[in-house]
Protein backbone atom coordinates (compact mmCIF):
# COMPACT_ATOMS: atom_id res chain seq x y z
CA MET A 1 126.22 93.63 111.34
CA VAL A 2 126.07 96.95 109.50
CA ALA A 3 124.02 95.30 106.72
CA LEU A 4 121.60 93.87 109.31
CA LYS A 5 121.10 97.28 110.91
CA GLY A 6 120.49 98.76 107.46
CA ASP A 7 117.90 96.08 106.67
CA ILE A 8 116.11 96.65 109.98
CA LEU A 9 116.02 100.42 109.54
CA GLY A 10 114.99 99.98 105.91
CA ALA A 11 112.07 97.70 106.89
CA PHE A 12 110.88 100.23 109.47
CA LEU A 13 111.04 103.13 107.02
CA LEU A 14 109.50 101.10 104.20
CA VAL A 15 106.40 100.34 106.28
CA TYR A 16 106.01 103.87 107.60
CA ALA A 17 106.85 105.77 104.41
CA GLY A 18 105.03 103.28 102.19
CA LEU A 19 101.76 103.34 104.10
CA PHE A 20 101.71 106.95 105.33
CA PRO A 21 100.60 108.62 102.06
CA VAL A 22 97.93 105.97 101.42
CA VAL A 23 96.53 105.93 104.96
CA ASN A 24 97.01 109.73 104.99
CA PRO A 25 96.13 110.38 108.67
CA LEU A 26 96.61 114.14 108.31
CA GLY A 27 94.32 114.31 105.31
CA ALA A 28 91.73 112.12 107.04
CA ALA A 29 91.80 114.10 110.31
CA PRO A 30 89.31 116.79 109.11
CA ILE A 31 86.92 114.05 107.93
CA PHE A 32 87.25 112.22 111.25
CA LEU A 33 86.47 115.50 112.99
CA SER A 34 83.35 116.12 110.88
CA MET A 35 82.14 112.51 111.21
CA THR A 36 82.37 112.66 115.00
CA THR A 37 80.57 115.98 115.38
CA GLY A 38 78.49 116.04 118.54
CA ARG A 39 80.67 113.52 120.35
CA SER A 40 82.32 114.51 123.63
CA GLU A 41 86.10 114.92 123.75
CA SER A 42 86.47 111.72 125.76
CA ARG A 43 84.32 109.80 123.25
CA ARG A 44 86.29 111.21 120.30
CA SER A 45 89.52 110.25 122.01
CA ARG A 46 88.22 106.72 122.52
CA LEU A 47 87.15 106.49 118.88
CA ALA A 48 90.63 107.64 117.79
CA LEU A 49 92.20 104.88 119.91
CA ASP A 50 89.77 102.29 118.51
CA VAL A 51 90.62 103.31 114.95
CA ALA A 52 94.36 103.05 115.66
CA ILE A 53 94.00 99.57 117.18
CA ASN A 54 91.74 98.32 114.39
CA SER A 55 94.08 99.74 111.75
CA PHE A 56 97.06 97.99 113.33
CA PHE A 57 95.42 94.56 113.22
CA LEU A 58 94.06 95.02 109.70
CA LEU A 59 97.40 96.11 108.27
CA ALA A 60 99.41 93.60 110.31
CA GLY A 61 97.19 90.81 108.99
CA ALA A 62 97.78 91.96 105.41
CA ILE A 63 101.55 92.24 105.93
CA LEU A 64 102.03 88.96 107.80
CA CYS A 65 99.52 86.70 106.04
CA GLY A 66 99.16 88.18 102.57
CA SER A 67 102.19 86.45 101.06
CA TYR A 68 101.07 83.05 102.39
CA VAL A 69 97.60 83.48 100.89
CA LEU A 70 99.16 84.34 97.54
CA SER A 71 101.52 81.36 97.78
CA PHE A 72 98.51 79.13 98.39
CA PHE A 73 97.17 80.23 95.01
CA GLY A 74 100.53 79.56 93.37
CA ILE A 75 101.56 83.21 92.97
CA THR A 76 105.31 83.62 93.53
CA ILE A 77 106.77 86.34 95.74
CA PRO A 78 108.78 87.95 92.88
CA ALA A 79 105.59 88.19 90.81
CA VAL A 80 103.83 89.85 93.74
CA ARG A 81 106.70 92.32 94.06
CA VAL A 82 106.53 93.28 90.40
CA ALA A 83 102.74 93.63 90.33
CA GLY A 84 102.51 95.15 93.80
CA GLY A 85 105.36 97.55 93.18
CA ALA A 86 103.69 98.75 89.98
CA LEU A 87 100.41 99.15 91.91
CA VAL A 88 102.11 101.10 94.71
CA ALA A 89 103.87 103.37 92.21
CA GLY A 90 100.55 103.89 90.41
CA MET A 91 98.84 104.86 93.67
CA GLY A 92 101.60 107.33 94.46
CA TRP A 93 101.36 108.81 90.96
CA LYS A 94 97.59 109.16 91.32
CA LEU A 95 97.98 110.91 94.68
CA LEU A 96 100.57 113.25 93.14
CA ASN A 97 98.19 114.29 90.37
CA GLU A 98 94.97 114.34 92.39
CA PRO A 99 93.79 117.87 93.26
CA GLY A 100 92.94 118.59 96.88
CA ASN A 101 92.51 115.95 99.56
CA PRO A 102 91.53 112.54 98.12
CA LYS A 103 90.19 111.41 101.49
CA ALA A 104 87.84 114.37 101.59
CA ALA A 105 86.53 113.58 98.12
CA ALA A 106 85.67 110.03 99.18
CA ALA A 107 84.21 110.96 102.57
CA PRO A 108 80.54 111.30 101.57
CA GLU A 109 80.55 107.68 100.37
CA ALA A 110 81.69 106.46 103.77
CA ALA A 111 78.99 108.00 105.97
CA PRO A 112 77.16 111.27 106.48
CA ALA A 113 78.77 113.79 108.79
CA GLY A 114 78.24 113.12 112.46
CA ALA A 115 76.98 109.57 111.87
CA ALA A 116 80.04 107.68 113.11
CA SER A 117 79.70 106.03 116.49
CA ASP A 118 81.58 102.80 115.73
CA GLY A 119 85.38 102.71 115.72
CA PHE A 120 85.51 100.12 112.93
CA TYR A 121 83.05 101.19 110.23
CA PRO A 122 83.34 103.68 108.65
CA LEU A 123 86.17 105.31 110.61
CA THR A 124 88.68 102.46 110.27
CA LEU A 125 87.34 100.85 107.11
CA PRO A 126 87.22 102.50 104.59
CA LEU A 127 88.21 105.99 105.87
CA THR A 128 91.59 105.08 107.37
CA VAL A 129 92.43 101.65 105.94
CA GLY A 130 90.95 101.23 102.49
CA PRO A 131 91.68 98.77 99.68
CA GLY A 132 94.70 100.82 98.65
CA ALA A 133 96.33 100.61 102.08
CA ILE A 134 95.66 96.86 102.27
CA SER A 135 97.21 96.37 98.82
CA VAL A 136 100.33 98.30 99.83
CA ALA A 137 100.58 96.34 103.10
CA LEU A 138 100.33 93.06 101.20
CA THR A 139 103.10 94.17 98.83
CA ILE A 140 105.34 95.21 101.73
CA GLY A 141 104.76 91.82 103.37
CA ALA A 142 105.80 90.04 100.17
CA HIS A 143 108.87 92.28 99.88
CA HIS A 144 110.02 91.23 103.36
CA ALA A 145 108.73 87.65 103.34
CA SER A 146 111.95 86.22 104.74
CA GLY A 147 115.59 86.94 105.50
CA PRO A 148 118.77 84.90 105.05
CA SER A 149 118.36 83.37 108.54
CA THR A 150 115.66 82.83 111.15
CA ALA A 151 117.13 85.50 113.45
CA HIS A 152 117.31 87.94 110.55
CA THR A 153 113.67 87.23 109.63
CA VAL A 154 112.51 87.73 113.24
CA LEU A 155 114.34 91.06 113.48
CA LEU A 156 112.87 92.20 110.17
CA LEU A 157 109.40 91.21 111.37
CA ALA A 158 109.89 93.13 114.62
CA SER A 159 111.04 96.18 112.64
CA VAL A 160 108.03 95.94 110.33
CA LEU A 161 105.67 95.79 113.31
CA LEU A 162 107.43 98.76 114.93
CA GLY A 163 106.98 100.73 111.70
CA LEU A 164 103.31 99.80 111.70
CA LEU A 165 103.03 100.77 115.37
CA ALA A 166 104.57 104.17 114.58
CA LEU A 167 102.07 104.63 111.77
CA VAL A 168 98.99 103.85 113.88
CA LEU A 169 100.37 106.10 116.63
CA THR A 170 100.43 108.88 114.02
CA VAL A 171 96.84 108.00 113.14
CA TYR A 172 95.82 108.20 116.79
CA LEU A 173 97.53 111.55 117.37
CA ALA A 174 96.15 113.03 114.12
CA TYR A 175 92.60 111.97 115.02
CA ARG A 176 92.87 112.72 118.73
CA PHE A 177 94.07 116.27 118.07
CA ALA A 178 92.25 116.74 114.77
CA GLY A 179 90.85 120.17 115.69
CA PRO A 180 94.14 121.90 116.59
CA LEU A 181 96.00 120.03 113.82
CA VAL A 182 93.66 121.17 111.06
CA ALA A 183 93.74 124.74 112.38
CA TYR A 184 97.57 124.73 112.52
CA LEU A 185 98.44 123.08 109.19
CA GLY A 186 95.54 124.28 107.12
CA GLU A 187 94.50 122.66 103.84
CA ALA A 188 97.62 123.85 102.01
CA GLY A 189 99.95 122.37 104.63
CA VAL A 190 98.16 119.00 104.62
CA ASN A 191 98.21 118.85 100.81
CA ALA A 192 101.92 119.72 100.64
CA LEU A 193 102.78 116.92 103.06
CA VAL A 194 100.58 114.44 101.17
CA LYS A 195 102.23 115.31 97.84
CA LEU A 196 105.72 114.88 99.27
CA SER A 197 104.75 111.53 100.76
CA ALA A 198 103.16 110.49 97.46
CA PHE A 199 106.43 111.08 95.60
CA ILE A 200 108.23 108.88 98.13
CA LEU A 201 105.53 106.25 97.55
CA VAL A 202 106.25 106.29 93.79
CA CYS A 203 109.95 105.71 94.49
CA ILE A 204 109.17 102.86 96.89
CA GLY A 205 106.90 101.21 94.32
CA VAL A 206 109.55 101.40 91.61
CA GLN A 207 112.16 99.94 93.98
CA ILE A 208 109.92 97.01 95.00
CA ALA A 209 108.98 96.27 91.38
CA TRP A 210 112.63 96.43 90.29
CA GLY A 211 113.63 93.95 93.03
CA GLY A 212 110.95 91.50 91.90
CA LEU A 213 111.87 91.92 88.25
CA ALA A 214 115.54 91.26 89.03
CA GLU A 215 114.55 88.03 90.81
CA LEU A 216 112.40 86.89 87.88
CA ILE A 217 115.15 87.63 85.36
CA GLY A 218 117.74 85.92 87.56
CA GLY A 219 115.56 82.79 87.70
CA LEU A 220 115.34 82.43 83.91
CA PRO A 221 117.08 79.35 82.51
CA ARG A 222 120.48 80.14 81.08
CA PRO A 223 121.52 78.75 77.69
CA ALA A 224 123.97 75.90 77.88
CA ASN A 225 127.52 76.68 76.77
C-alpha cells in the first residue's frame, strides 16, 4: 500500500516537474502578454483558457498514445526510456546553460507581437507546447506505460492526468495574470525559477534513462553455467 502511494505521488510529480521547465509557463507569460496586446481582459482570459485546454489534450495524447505508436514501429519501451531520458536530460542541461529566457528568444519566430487571436496557433503550438514538451511527454508516457496490475495501471494513469491538469492550471493562471505576475517576479525571478526547474529536469532525465538501461541489461541473455 505504501509502495502504491509512492508510485502514485511519484507519477504526479514526474509529470509536473518533468514538463514544467520545458513548457515554462512563467517564462512564456510575458510573450503571451505581448502577443495579445490590444485584446480586452475578457478576451485575454478566454485565450488563456483555450491555451490551457489545448495544451492538456496535446500533452495527454503524447503521454497516453506515444508508447503505442513507438511499439507499432517495433521500438521497445526500455529503448524509449534510454533515448528519451537522455533527450530530457539534454534539454534540461541546455536550459541550465541558456542565457535569459529561451521562450523569449524564440518568440519572434512564432508570430509578431499583438498578432495572436487564435488559442491554438501560435499561443498553444509552438509557444506553450513545442516539440521539446511533446518529446518529454512521450518519454514520461513510456516510463509509466503499465503497472504490475490493472488497478495499479489505472491509478498511475489517473495520477499522470492529475499532474498534467495541475500543469495546465499553472499555464492558465500564468497567462491569465501575466501582467501582475511579470511585474511581481521580474526577469531575474522568472530566470531563477526556470534554472531550478531545469536542474530537476536533468535529474529526471538521468533517472528515466537509468531505469531503461537497467531493463535492457537485465534482458541480456545470461551465459549458461
